[in-house]
Protein backbone atom coordinates (compact mmCIF):
# COMPACT_ATOMS: atom_id res chain seq x y z
CA MET A 1 0.00 0.00 0.00
CA THR A 2 1.37 3.38 -1.00
CA ARG A 3 1.86 6.28 1.37
CA GLU A 4 -1.00 8.20 -0.28
CA ALA A 5 -3.37 5.22 0.08
CA LYS A 6 -2.54 4.98 3.79
CA ILE A 7 -3.33 8.66 4.31
CA GLU A 8 -6.57 8.35 2.34
CA ASN A 9 -7.73 5.33 4.35
CA LEU A 10 -6.81 7.12 7.57
CA ILE A 11 -9.08 10.03 6.60
CA TYR A 12 -11.94 7.61 5.89
CA LEU A 13 -11.32 5.88 9.22
CA VAL A 14 -11.48 9.19 11.10
CA ILE A 15 -14.73 10.19 9.38
CA ALA A 16 -16.27 6.77 10.11
CA GLY A 17 -15.17 7.04 13.73
CA VAL A 18 -16.84 10.44 14.07
CA ALA A 19 -20.05 9.11 12.48
CA LEU A 20 -20.14 6.17 14.90
CA ALA A 21 -19.19 8.21 17.97
CA ALA A 22 -21.64 11.06 17.35
CA PRO A 23 -24.80 9.15 18.43
CA VAL A 24 -23.02 7.78 21.50
CA ILE A 25 -21.99 11.27 22.58
CA GLY A 26 -25.45 12.61 21.83
CA GLU A 27 -27.11 9.92 23.91
CA ILE A 28 -24.73 10.57 26.81
CA VAL A 29 -25.54 14.27 26.73
CA HIS A 30 -29.28 13.55 26.46
CA SER A 31 -29.20 11.05 29.32
CA HIS A 32 -27.52 13.56 31.63
CA ALA A 33 -30.14 16.16 30.71
CA SER A 34 -33.13 13.83 31.27
CA ASP A 35 -33.50 10.70 33.37
CA GLY A 36 -29.80 9.82 33.54
CA ALA A 37 -30.28 6.43 31.82
CA PHE A 38 -28.22 5.55 28.74
CA HIS A 39 -30.47 4.03 26.07
CA PHE A 40 -28.25 1.89 23.85
CA SER A 41 -31.24 1.02 21.67
CA GLU A 42 -31.31 4.64 20.47
CA VAL A 43 -27.63 4.47 19.56
CA LEU A 44 -28.12 1.13 17.81
CA GLY A 45 -31.02 2.59 15.86
CA VAL A 46 -28.81 5.41 14.56
CA TRP A 47 -26.05 2.96 13.66
CA LEU A 48 -28.52 0.84 11.71
CA ARG A 49 -29.65 3.93 9.80
CA GLU A 50 -26.00 4.74 9.04
CA LEU A 51 -25.25 1.19 7.86
CA PRO A 52 -26.55 1.65 4.27
CA PHE A 53 -24.25 4.66 3.85
CA PHE A 54 -21.24 2.63 5.01
CA LEU A 55 -22.15 -0.20 2.64
CA LEU A 56 -22.61 2.19 -0.29
CA PHE A 57 -19.27 3.86 0.43
CA ALA A 58 -17.39 0.56 0.80
CA LEU A 59 -18.93 -0.77 -2.42
CA HIS A 60 -17.91 2.32 -4.37
CA ASN A 61 -14.48 2.78 -2.79
CA TYR A 62 -13.16 -0.77 -2.93
CA LEU A 63 -15.09 -2.42 -5.80
CA LEU A 64 -16.55 0.11 -8.24
CA PHE A 65 -13.98 2.91 -8.48
CA PRO A 66 -11.12 0.46 -9.26
CA LEU A 67 -13.12 -0.37 -12.41
CA PHE A 68 -12.95 3.31 -13.40
CA LEU A 69 -9.19 3.39 -12.83
CA GLY A 70 -8.86 0.19 -14.84
CA GLY A 71 -10.46 1.80 -17.89
CA ARG A 72 -13.84 0.03 -17.61
CA ARG A 73 -15.71 3.30 -17.29
CA LYS A 74 -19.00 2.27 -18.91
CA LEU A 75 -19.32 -0.65 -16.52
CA TYR A 76 -18.41 1.66 -13.65
CA VAL A 77 -21.14 4.18 -14.56
CA ALA A 78 -23.74 1.42 -15.00
CA LEU A 79 -22.94 -0.17 -11.63
CA VAL A 80 -22.90 3.22 -9.84
CA VAL A 81 -26.34 4.03 -11.27
CA LEU A 82 -27.57 0.60 -10.16
CA ALA A 83 -26.13 1.06 -6.67
CA LEU A 84 -27.74 4.49 -6.32
CA ALA A 85 -31.07 3.10 -7.54
CA LEU A 86 -30.95 0.33 -4.94
CA PHE A 87 -29.91 2.84 -2.28
CA GLY A 88 -32.79 5.18 -3.20
CA GLY A 89 -35.23 2.28 -3.27
CA TYR A 90 -34.11 1.24 0.18
CA LEU A 91 -34.69 4.74 1.53
CA ALA A 92 -38.14 4.98 -0.09
CA PHE A 93 -39.29 1.49 0.91
CA LEU A 94 -37.96 1.12 4.43
CA ARG A 95 -38.25 4.76 5.55
CA PRO A 96 -41.61 5.91 4.17
CA LEU A 97 -42.63 9.21 5.72
CA PRO A 98 -46.07 10.50 4.62
CA GLU A 99 -46.12 14.07 3.49
CA LYS A 100 -48.37 16.48 5.38
CA LYS A 101 -51.12 18.04 3.31
CA PHE A 102 -51.72 21.75 3.61
CA PRO A 103 -55.16 22.77 2.26
CA ALA A 104 -55.72 26.21 0.87
CA MET A 105 -56.26 28.88 3.50
CA ALA A 106 -59.77 29.70 2.21
CA ASP A 107 -60.87 26.06 2.69
CA MET A 108 -59.48 25.55 6.20
CA GLU A 109 -62.35 25.06 8.68
CA ALA A 110 -62.61 23.47 12.08
CA PRO A 111 -63.81 19.86 12.04
CA GLY A 112 -67.58 19.57 12.24
CA VAL A 113 -68.18 23.20 11.50
CA PRO A 114 -69.76 24.00 8.14
CA PRO A 115 -67.96 26.49 6.00
CA SER A 116 -68.96 30.03 6.75
CA HIS A 117 -67.86 33.51 5.94
CA GLY A 118 -69.29 34.92 9.14
CA ILE A 119 -68.58 35.08 12.84
CA ALA A 120 -70.31 32.64 15.18
CA PRO A 121 -72.95 34.23 17.51
CA ASP A 122 -71.95 34.87 21.06
CA GLY A 123 -75.24 33.58 22.31
CA PRO A 124 -78.80 32.60 21.42
CA GLY A 125 -80.69 35.02 19.32
CA GLU A 126 -77.64 36.91 18.15
CA ALA A 127 -77.38 37.34 14.43
CA ILE A 128 -74.42 36.38 12.40
CA HIS A 129 -72.73 39.38 10.90
CA ASP A 130 -71.48 38.59 7.49
CA VAL A 131 -67.88 39.42 6.80
CA PRO A 132 -67.19 40.28 3.24
CA PRO A 133 -64.76 37.94 1.57
CA LYS A 134 -61.23 39.09 0.88
CA PRO A 135 -60.81 40.50 -2.53
CA LYS A 136 -59.16 38.08 -4.94
CA GLY A 137 -57.63 40.60 -7.25
CA GLY A 138 -56.17 44.02 -7.63
CA PHE A 139 -57.88 47.07 -8.90
CA PHE A 140 -58.76 45.36 -12.15
CA GLY A 141 -59.08 41.92 -10.58
CA GLY A 142 -56.09 40.59 -12.52
CA HIS A 143 -53.68 39.68 -9.68
CA PRO A 144 -54.37 38.41 -6.19
CA VAL A 145 -53.84 40.78 -3.33
CA HIS A 146 -51.88 39.23 -0.46
CA HIS A 147 -52.68 40.33 3.02
CA PRO A 148 -50.27 40.13 5.93
CA GLU A 149 -52.33 37.40 7.57
CA ASP A 150 -52.13 35.17 4.49
CA LYS A 151 -49.46 32.46 4.80
CA ILE A 152 -47.94 30.45 1.95
CA PRO A 153 -48.07 26.73 2.82
CA TYR A 154 -44.60 25.24 3.61
CA ARG A 155 -43.88 21.92 1.98
CA PRO A 156 -40.65 20.40 3.43
CA ILE A 157 -38.40 18.19 1.29
CA PRO A 158 -39.08 14.55 2.14
CA PRO A 159 -36.38 13.05 4.41
CA SER A 160 -35.82 10.20 1.95
CA ILE A 161 -34.75 12.68 -0.74
CA LEU A 162 -32.43 14.49 1.68
CA LEU A 163 -30.82 11.18 2.65
CA PHE A 164 -30.42 10.21 -1.00
CA LEU A 165 -28.71 13.56 -1.71
CA LEU A 166 -26.46 12.92 1.29
CA GLY A 167 -25.46 9.55 -0.16
CA LEU A 168 -24.82 11.16 -3.54
CA GLY A 169 -22.62 13.79 -1.92
CA MET A 170 -20.73 11.04 -0.09
CA LEU A 171 -19.88 9.37 -3.41
CA ALA A 172 -18.81 12.70 -4.87
CA PHE A 173 -16.52 13.22 -1.89
CA ASN A 174 -15.09 9.74 -2.33
CA ILE A 175 -14.39 10.39 -6.03
CA ALA A 176 -12.70 13.71 -5.23
CA MET A 177 -10.48 12.07 -2.60
CA LYS A 178 -9.58 9.22 -4.95
CA VAL A 179 -8.65 11.56 -7.79
CA TYR A 180 -6.65 13.85 -5.48
CA PHE A 181 -4.58 11.12 -3.86
CA LYS A 182 -4.09 9.34 -7.19
CA SER A 183 -2.66 12.56 -8.63
CA LEU A 184 -0.26 12.76 -5.65
CA SER A 185 0.73 9.12 -6.09
CA ASP A 186 1.30 9.58 -9.83
CA ALA A 187 3.42 12.69 -9.25
CA ARG A 188 5.55 10.86 -6.67
CA ARG A 189 5.95 7.88 -8.99
CA VAL A 190 7.09 10.15 -11.82
CA GLN A 191 9.66 11.73 -9.51
CA GLU A 192 10.92 8.30 -8.44
CA LEU A 193 11.20 7.17 -12.06
CA GLU A 194 13.06 10.34 -12.97
CA LYS A 195 15.40 9.81 -10.02
CA GLU A 196 16.01 6.18 -10.97
CA ASN A 197 16.63 7.20 -14.57
CA LEU A 198 19.06 9.86 -13.36
CA GLN A 199 20.94 7.35 -11.23
CA ASP A 200 21.07 4.89 -14.14
CA GLN A 201 22.50 7.57 -16.41
CA LEU A 202 25.07 8.62 -13.82
CA SER A 203 26.11 5.01 -13.24
CA TYR A 204 26.46 4.46 -16.97
CA LEU A 205 28.61 7.55 -17.31
CA ARG A 206 30.82 6.54 -14.36
CA TYR A 207 31.32 3.09 -15.87
CA GLN A 208 32.43 4.77 -19.09
CA ILE A 209 34.91 6.99 -17.24
CA ASN A 210 36.57 4.09 -15.37
CA PRO A 211 37.81 2.21 -18.45
CA HIS A 212 38.90 5.53 -19.94
CA PHE A 213 40.89 6.31 -16.79
CA PHE A 214 42.52 2.88 -16.57
CA MET A 215 43.41 2.93 -20.25
CA ASN A 216 45.39 6.15 -19.88
CA THR A 217 47.02 5.06 -16.61
CA LEU A 218 48.09 1.68 -17.98
CA ASN A 219 49.56 3.39 -21.00
CA ASN A 220 51.68 5.50 -18.65
CA ILE A 221 52.85 2.45 -16.71
CA HIS A 222 53.64 0.65 -19.95
CA ALA A 223 55.90 3.55 -20.91
CA LEU A 224 57.75 3.22 -17.59
CA VAL A 225 58.44 -0.50 -17.93
CA ASP A 226 61.26 0.04 -20.41
CA ILE A 227 62.47 3.36 -19.02
CA ASP A 228 62.51 2.62 -15.28
CA PRO A 229 61.22 -0.81 -14.16
CA GLU A 230 61.39 0.13 -10.46
CA LYS A 231 59.17 3.14 -10.99
CA ALA A 232 56.85 0.95 -13.02
CA LYS A 233 56.48 -1.33 -9.98
CA GLU A 234 55.76 1.67 -7.76
CA SER A 235 53.23 2.88 -10.31
CA ILE A 236 51.42 -0.45 -10.13
CA VAL A 237 51.16 -0.08 -6.34
CA GLU A 238 49.79 3.45 -6.72
CA LEU A 239 47.39 2.26 -9.39
CA SER A 240 46.06 -0.43 -7.04
CA LYS A 241 45.24 2.31 -4.52
CA LEU A 242 43.41 4.26 -7.21
CA MET A 243 41.50 1.15 -8.27
CA ARG A 244 40.45 0.55 -4.68
CA TYR A 245 39.12 4.11 -4.50
CA ILE A 246 37.21 3.76 -7.77
CA LEU A 247 35.80 0.40 -6.72
CA TYR A 248 34.48 1.49 -3.32
CA GLU A 249 33.88 5.22 -3.77
CA GLY A 250 33.25 5.71 -7.46
CA SER A 251 29.73 4.23 -7.39
CA LYS A 252 28.49 6.62 -4.69
CA PRO A 253 26.57 9.78 -5.68
CA VAL A 254 28.76 11.98 -3.45
CA ILE A 255 31.84 11.40 -1.33
CA PRO A 256 33.76 13.48 1.25
CA LEU A 257 35.82 16.20 -0.40
CA GLU A 258 38.97 15.10 1.44
CA ARG A 259 38.81 11.66 -0.21
CA GLU A 260 38.55 13.20 -3.66
CA VAL A 261 41.50 15.45 -2.82
CA ASP A 262 43.54 12.41 -1.70
CA PHE A 263 42.66 10.65 -4.92
CA LEU A 264 43.90 13.61 -6.99
CA LYS A 265 47.13 13.70 -4.98
CA GLN A 266 47.74 9.99 -5.61
CA TYR A 267 47.03 10.37 -9.31
CA VAL A 268 49.41 13.33 -9.69
CA SER A 269 52.02 11.40 -7.72
CA LEU A 270 51.65 8.53 -10.17
CA MET A 271 52.12 10.87 -13.10
CA ARG A 272 55.22 12.46 -11.54
CA MET A 273 56.91 9.05 -11.59
CA ARG A 274 56.66 8.99 -15.34
CA TYR A 275 57.59 12.56 -16.16
CA ALA A 276 59.96 13.27 -13.27
CA ASP A 277 61.13 16.89 -13.48
CA SER A 278 60.66 17.30 -17.21
CA ILE A 279 57.46 19.33 -16.80
CA ASP A 280 56.28 22.05 -14.45
CA ILE A 281 53.61 20.43 -12.22
CA GLN A 282 51.98 22.64 -9.61
CA VAL A 283 49.11 21.41 -7.43
CA SER A 284 47.20 23.44 -4.84
CA LEU A 285 44.45 21.54 -3.08
CA PRO A 286 42.37 22.55 -0.02
CA GLU A 287 42.80 21.17 3.43
CA ALA A 288 40.06 19.03 4.96
CA VAL A 289 36.64 20.69 4.88
CA PRO A 290 34.43 18.97 7.50
CA GLY A 291 31.20 17.64 6.01
CA ALA A 292 31.84 18.91 2.47
CA GLU A 293 30.88 16.42 -0.25
CA VAL A 294 31.46 16.29 -4.01
CA PRO A 295 30.65 13.83 -6.81
CA PRO A 296 33.50 11.34 -7.31
CA LEU A 297 35.75 11.07 -10.38
CA VAL A 298 34.83 14.44 -11.85
CA PHE A 299 38.00 16.49 -11.46
CA VAL A 300 40.40 13.68 -12.28
CA SER A 301 39.08 13.73 -15.85
CA PHE A 302 40.39 17.28 -16.28
CA VAL A 303 43.77 16.33 -14.82
CA GLU A 304 43.90 13.27 -17.09
CA ASN A 305 43.38 15.40 -20.16
CA ALA A 306 46.01 17.86 -18.96
CA PHE A 307 48.65 15.11 -18.80
CA LYS A 308 47.47 13.50 -22.02
CA HIS A 309 47.39 16.63 -24.19
CA GLY A 310 49.58 19.10 -22.29
CA VAL A 311 52.92 17.29 -22.13
CA SER A 312 55.68 17.36 -24.72
CA TYR A 313 59.11 15.71 -24.43
CA ASP A 314 60.87 18.31 -26.53
CA LYS A 315 59.05 21.51 -25.54
CA PRO A 316 58.49 23.24 -22.20
CA SER A 317 55.29 21.93 -20.62
CA PHE A 318 53.29 22.85 -17.57
CA ILE A 319 50.26 21.59 -15.64
CA HIS A 320 48.80 23.79 -12.90
CA VAL A 321 45.93 22.46 -10.82
CA ALA A 322 44.16 24.46 -8.11
CA MET A 323 41.08 23.80 -6.02
CA LYS A 324 39.54 25.91 -3.26
CA VAL A 325 36.33 26.34 -1.30
CA ASP A 326 34.70 29.74 -1.73
CA GLY A 327 31.59 30.16 0.40
CA GLY A 328 29.24 27.35 -0.46
CA ARG A 329 30.89 26.49 -3.77
CA LEU A 330 33.94 24.56 -4.89
CA LEU A 331 36.19 26.21 -7.50
CA PHE A 332 38.49 24.06 -9.63
CA LYS A 333 41.04 25.35 -12.13
CA CYS A 334 43.27 23.39 -14.43
CA ARG A 335 45.67 25.12 -16.80
CA ASN A 336 48.09 23.27 -19.03
CA SER A 337 50.24 23.73 -22.08
CA ARG A 338 48.65 22.62 -25.31
CA PHE A 339 50.20 20.49 -28.02
CA ALA A 340 47.24 18.53 -29.40
CA ASP A 341 43.72 19.21 -30.58
CA ILE A 342 41.71 18.44 -27.47
CA ASP A 343 38.41 18.84 -29.28
CA LYS A 344 39.18 15.83 -31.51
CA SER A 345 41.18 13.67 -29.12
CA GLY A 346 39.56 14.56 -25.79
CA GLY A 347 37.69 11.27 -25.85
CA VAL A 348 34.83 10.11 -23.68
CA GLY A 349 35.98 11.70 -20.40
CA MET A 350 35.19 15.36 -20.99
CA ASP A 351 31.80 14.72 -22.58
CA ASN A 352 30.81 12.45 -19.70
CA VAL A 353 31.86 15.00 -17.10
CA ARG A 354 29.65 17.65 -18.69
CA LYS A 355 26.72 15.25 -18.86
CA ARG A 356 27.20 14.28 -15.23
CA LEU A 357 27.26 17.92 -14.15
CA ASP A 358 24.13 18.59 -16.20
CA LEU A 359 22.28 15.71 -14.56
CA MET A 360 23.42 16.51 -11.03
CA TYR A 361 23.27 20.30 -10.94
CA GLY A 362 21.16 21.43 -13.90
CA SER A 363 21.99 25.08 -14.45
CA ASP A 364 23.62 25.56 -11.03
CA TYR A 365 27.18 24.94 -12.15
CA VAL A 366 29.84 26.61 -14.30
CA MET A 367 32.18 24.91 -16.73
CA ASP A 368 34.18 27.45 -18.74
CA ILE A 369 36.80 26.29 -21.21
CA GLU A 370 39.37 28.64 -22.77
CA GLN A 371 41.44 27.32 -25.64
CA GLN A 372 44.40 29.19 -27.03
CA ARG A 373 47.12 28.15 -29.41
CA ASP A 374 49.60 27.29 -26.68
CA TYR A 375 47.52 26.67 -23.55
CA TYR A 376 44.24 25.18 -22.38
CA ASN A 377 42.38 26.53 -19.35
CA ILE A 378 39.28 25.17 -17.63
CA LEU A 379 37.28 26.57 -14.71
CA VAL A 380 34.59 24.57 -12.89
CA SER A 381 32.34 25.83 -10.10
CA ILE A 382 29.85 23.54 -8.38
CA PRO A 383 27.71 23.95 -5.25
CA LEU A 384 28.97 22.05 -2.24
CA THR A 385 26.73 19.69 -0.33
CA TYR A 386 27.31 18.93 3.32
CA ASP A 387 26.77 15.81 5.35
CA LYS A 388 24.32 16.85 8.07
CA SER A 389 25.48 14.05 10.34
CA ASP A 390 29.05 15.33 10.34
CA SER A 391 29.99 16.53 13.78
CA GLY A 392 32.10 19.32 12.33
CA ARG A 393 29.09 21.15 10.97
């Protein structure tokens, strides 16, 4: 049972409880005001009169309306009409209340007294003084003239019709509640599907990044095998640490910022083994920020591309990486020398990073890329999230 269905049934349960408790409370109040005796038969009589309404509601709520939701609307309408007809027949047959007849005012006479337009004598021998009848029209006799003492007969609506209208209103209320809570349930389901789709897309993109990352790293280690076998062994150890991070942290939506910073440090350290002092590598990363969280494996893609496209063995090369926390946002800058066409050889990594940022932050992020003939500069700004359970916050 969905959360919306539980709330809906709770509302029905409260209303039913009020309907059942009302006669009990009324009888208690009446008993205290009269003879002090509680007459359960009166309460039972009210409950029995309420029973058809409960049956009609249960029939519509649990049996008929599901037909409407299932697309069988003609059958639903036919059965609702039949149920209302049976309900109205029950009210008319088992609760017949004769209507009072109100004769016209001119014909109302006391029983046993012949009609008269006069005043009865006060005693024997007194004559009856005729009273002229009330005029029936205006000046030209076209419209009746109403006198203050004339009263228009009041004909109340039969109780059976009022009860039938009450039952009809109860079904209308039930339909309104069903439609309202179904709309809430559908909206929540759409949000859950969108969230699941988002997570599936993010997972797919992360799985694409991992092979891309390992491919570049293994290529670097392969280059070290012939140049410096000892460094190649150290690189394999460092790579195992990176693999452990990707395996356990890469599948999470967000991770602590300090772990992402450590991962970047390990990756740069691995790259230094290959290039030694042949290039200018500068890294500025923030200290631990308690509770700050970022998506994993985003910034390493920029650093990867910097080493892949920004290093030359015969020309001066540089890679400058900086990250800092500014207010509630994380700023990342990566600037490197340029010797290849990044647009054509950038590969899967950069496109996936942009897609991930789009899915996670929508329009609340910045990714500016500046390309010049001899350098490549990228600036990324994302909002920081914080772990509320962190004691440092």
